[in-house]
Amino acid sequence: MEIRIGIQHSPREIVIESEEKSDALIERLSGAMADGSPVALVDDKGRTVLVPGAKVAYVEVSTEEPRRVGFLG
């Protein structure tokens, strides 16, 4: 799944691909935003991103859907 995280006062968003379950991820991010603690996210290539919970502006979690190829007719 693709995760987009907007950080306050930052023009760029954090975008990672992760294999983590969306429910568990949303719960961890919600907790970090509530208490202001950082949360560590691991992408599908094993890289770790530390996100400051107190500075999260928004989180967008999208499940991967197969892209359609061809024309509708």
C-alpha atoms as a PDB file:
ATOM      1  CA  MET A   1       0.000   0.000   0.000  1.00  0.00           C
ATOM      2  CA  GLU A   2       1.075   3.579  -0.534  1.00  0.00           C
ATOM      3  CA  ILE A   3       1.260   5.944   2.434  1.00  0.00           C
ATOM      4  CA  ARG A   4       1.443   9.728   2.027  1.00  0.00           C
ATOM      5  CA  ILE A   5       2.173  11.815   5.107  1.00  0.00           C
ATOM      6  CA  GLY A   6       2.079  15.598   5.141  1.00  0.00           C
ATOM      7  CA  ILE A   7       4.286  17.323   7.699  1.00  0.00           C
ATOM      8  CA  GLN A   8       3.425  20.785   9.039  1.00  0.00           C
ATOM      9  CA  HIS A   9       5.597  23.615   7.639  1.00  0.00           C
ATOM     10  CA  SER A  10       7.151  21.288   5.048  1.00  0.00           C
ATOM     11  CA  PRO A  11       6.469  21.720   1.326  1.00  0.00           C
ATOM     12  CA  ARG A  12       7.069  18.028   0.584  1.00  0.00           C
ATOM     13  CA  GLU A  13       5.165  15.006   1.767  1.00  0.00           C
ATOM     14  CA  ILE A  14       6.613  11.661   2.835  1.00  0.00           C
ATOM     15  CA  VAL A  15       5.621   8.857   0.458  1.00  0.00           C
ATOM     16  CA  ILE A  16       6.432   5.231   1.193  1.00  0.00           C
ATOM     17  CA  GLU A  17       5.262   1.830  -0.005  1.00  0.00           C
ATOM     18  CA  SER A  18       4.676  -0.592   2.865  1.00  0.00           C
ATOM     19  CA  GLU A  19       3.496  -4.157   3.352  1.00  0.00           C
ATOM     20  CA  GLU A  20       2.111  -3.371   6.836  1.00  0.00           C
ATOM     21  CA  LYS A  21      -1.622  -3.858   7.417  1.00  0.00           C
ATOM     22  CA  SER A  22      -3.501  -0.569   7.031  1.00  0.00           C
ATOM     23  CA  ASP A  23      -5.458  -0.954  10.290  1.00  0.00           C
ATOM     24  CA  ALA A  24      -2.276  -1.430  12.338  1.00  0.00           C
ATOM     25  CA  LEU A  25      -0.570   1.462  10.568  1.00  0.00           C
ATOM     26  CA  ILE A  26      -3.470   3.855  11.125  1.00  0.00           C
ATOM     27  CA  GLU A  27      -3.629   2.875  14.799  1.00  0.00           C
ATOM     28  CA  ARG A  28       0.119   3.519  15.283  1.00  0.00           C
ATOM     29  CA  LEU A  29      -0.016   6.874  13.481  1.00  0.00           C
ATOM     30  CA  SER A  30      -3.134   7.964  15.368  1.00  0.00           C
ATOM     31  CA  GLY A  31      -1.455   7.180  18.686  1.00  0.00           C
ATOM     32  CA  ALA A  32       1.687   9.066  17.694  1.00  0.00           C
ATOM     33  CA  MET A  33      -0.342  12.093  16.601  1.00  0.00           C
ATOM     34  CA  ALA A  34      -2.328  12.065  19.859  1.00  0.00           C
ATOM     35  CA  ASP A  35       0.657  11.968  22.202  1.00  0.00           C
ATOM     36  CA  GLY A  36       3.199  13.721  19.962  1.00  0.00           C
ATOM     37  CA  SER A  37       5.676  10.847  19.898  1.00  0.00           C
ATOM     38  CA  PRO A  38       7.658   9.841  16.815  1.00  0.00           C
ATOM     39  CA  VAL A  39       6.662   6.727  14.880  1.00  0.00           C
ATOM     40  CA  ALA A  40       9.002   4.530  12.826  1.00  0.00           C
ATOM     41  CA  LEU A  41       7.701   3.245   9.488  1.00  0.00           C
ATOM     42  CA  VAL A  42       9.472   0.611   7.401  1.00  0.00           C
ATOM     43  CA  ASP A  43       8.977   0.561   3.650  1.00  0.00           C
ATOM     44  CA  ASP A  44       8.899  -2.513   1.435  1.00  0.00           C
ATOM     45  CA  LYS A  45      12.640  -2.202   0.718  1.00  0.00           C
ATOM     46  CA  GLY A  46      13.562  -2.257   4.416  1.00  0.00           C
ATOM     47  CA  ARG A  47      14.259   1.464   4.816  1.00  0.00           C
ATOM     48  CA  THR A  48      13.083   3.081   8.051  1.00  0.00           C
ATOM     49  CA  VAL A  49      11.464   6.517   8.162  1.00  0.00           C
ATOM     50  CA  LEU A  50      10.991   8.270  11.500  1.00  0.00           C
ATOM     51  CA  VAL A  51       7.953  10.555  11.439  1.00  0.00           C
ATOM     52  CA  PRO A  52       7.400  13.228  14.130  1.00  0.00           C
ATOM     53  CA  GLY A  53       3.884  12.529  15.434  1.00  0.00           C
ATOM     54  CA  ALA A  54       3.442  16.076  16.737  1.00  0.00           C
ATOM     55  CA  LYS A  55       4.042  17.565  13.257  1.00  0.00           C
ATOM     56  CA  VAL A  56       1.812  15.308  11.125  1.00  0.00           C
ATOM     57  CA  ALA A  57      -0.678  17.385   9.131  1.00  0.00           C
ATOM     58  CA  TYR A  58      -2.426  14.524   7.289  1.00  0.00           C
ATOM     59  CA  VAL A  59      -2.078  10.852   6.402  1.00  0.00           C
ATOM     60  CA  GLU A  60      -3.387   9.263   3.218  1.00  0.00           C
ATOM     61  CA  VAL A  61      -3.395   5.464   3.026  1.00  0.00           C
ATOM     62  CA  SER A  62      -4.304   3.949  -0.313  1.00  0.00           C
ATOM     63  CA  THR A  63      -4.566   0.299  -1.149  1.00  0.00           C
ATOM     64  CA  GLU A  64      -3.074  -0.802  -4.390  1.00  0.00           C
ATOM     65  CA  GLU A  65      -5.558  -1.486  -7.120  1.00  0.00           C
ATOM     66  CA  PRO A  66      -4.545  -3.027 -10.407  1.00  0.00           C
ATOM     67  CA  ARG A  67      -4.331  -0.400 -13.098  1.00  0.00           C
ATOM     68  CA  ARG A  68      -6.654  -0.849 -16.019  1.00  0.00           C
ATOM     69  CA  VAL A  69      -5.132  -1.199 -19.422  1.00  0.00           C
ATOM     70  CA  GLY A  70      -7.038  -0.585 -22.592  1.00  0.00           C
ATOM     71  CA  PHE A  71     -10.090   1.349 -23.594  1.00  0.00           C
ATOM     72  CA  LEU A  72     -13.643   1.208 -22.384  1.00  0.00           C
ATOM     73  CA  GLY A  73     -16.047   0.804 -25.195  1.00  0.00           C
END
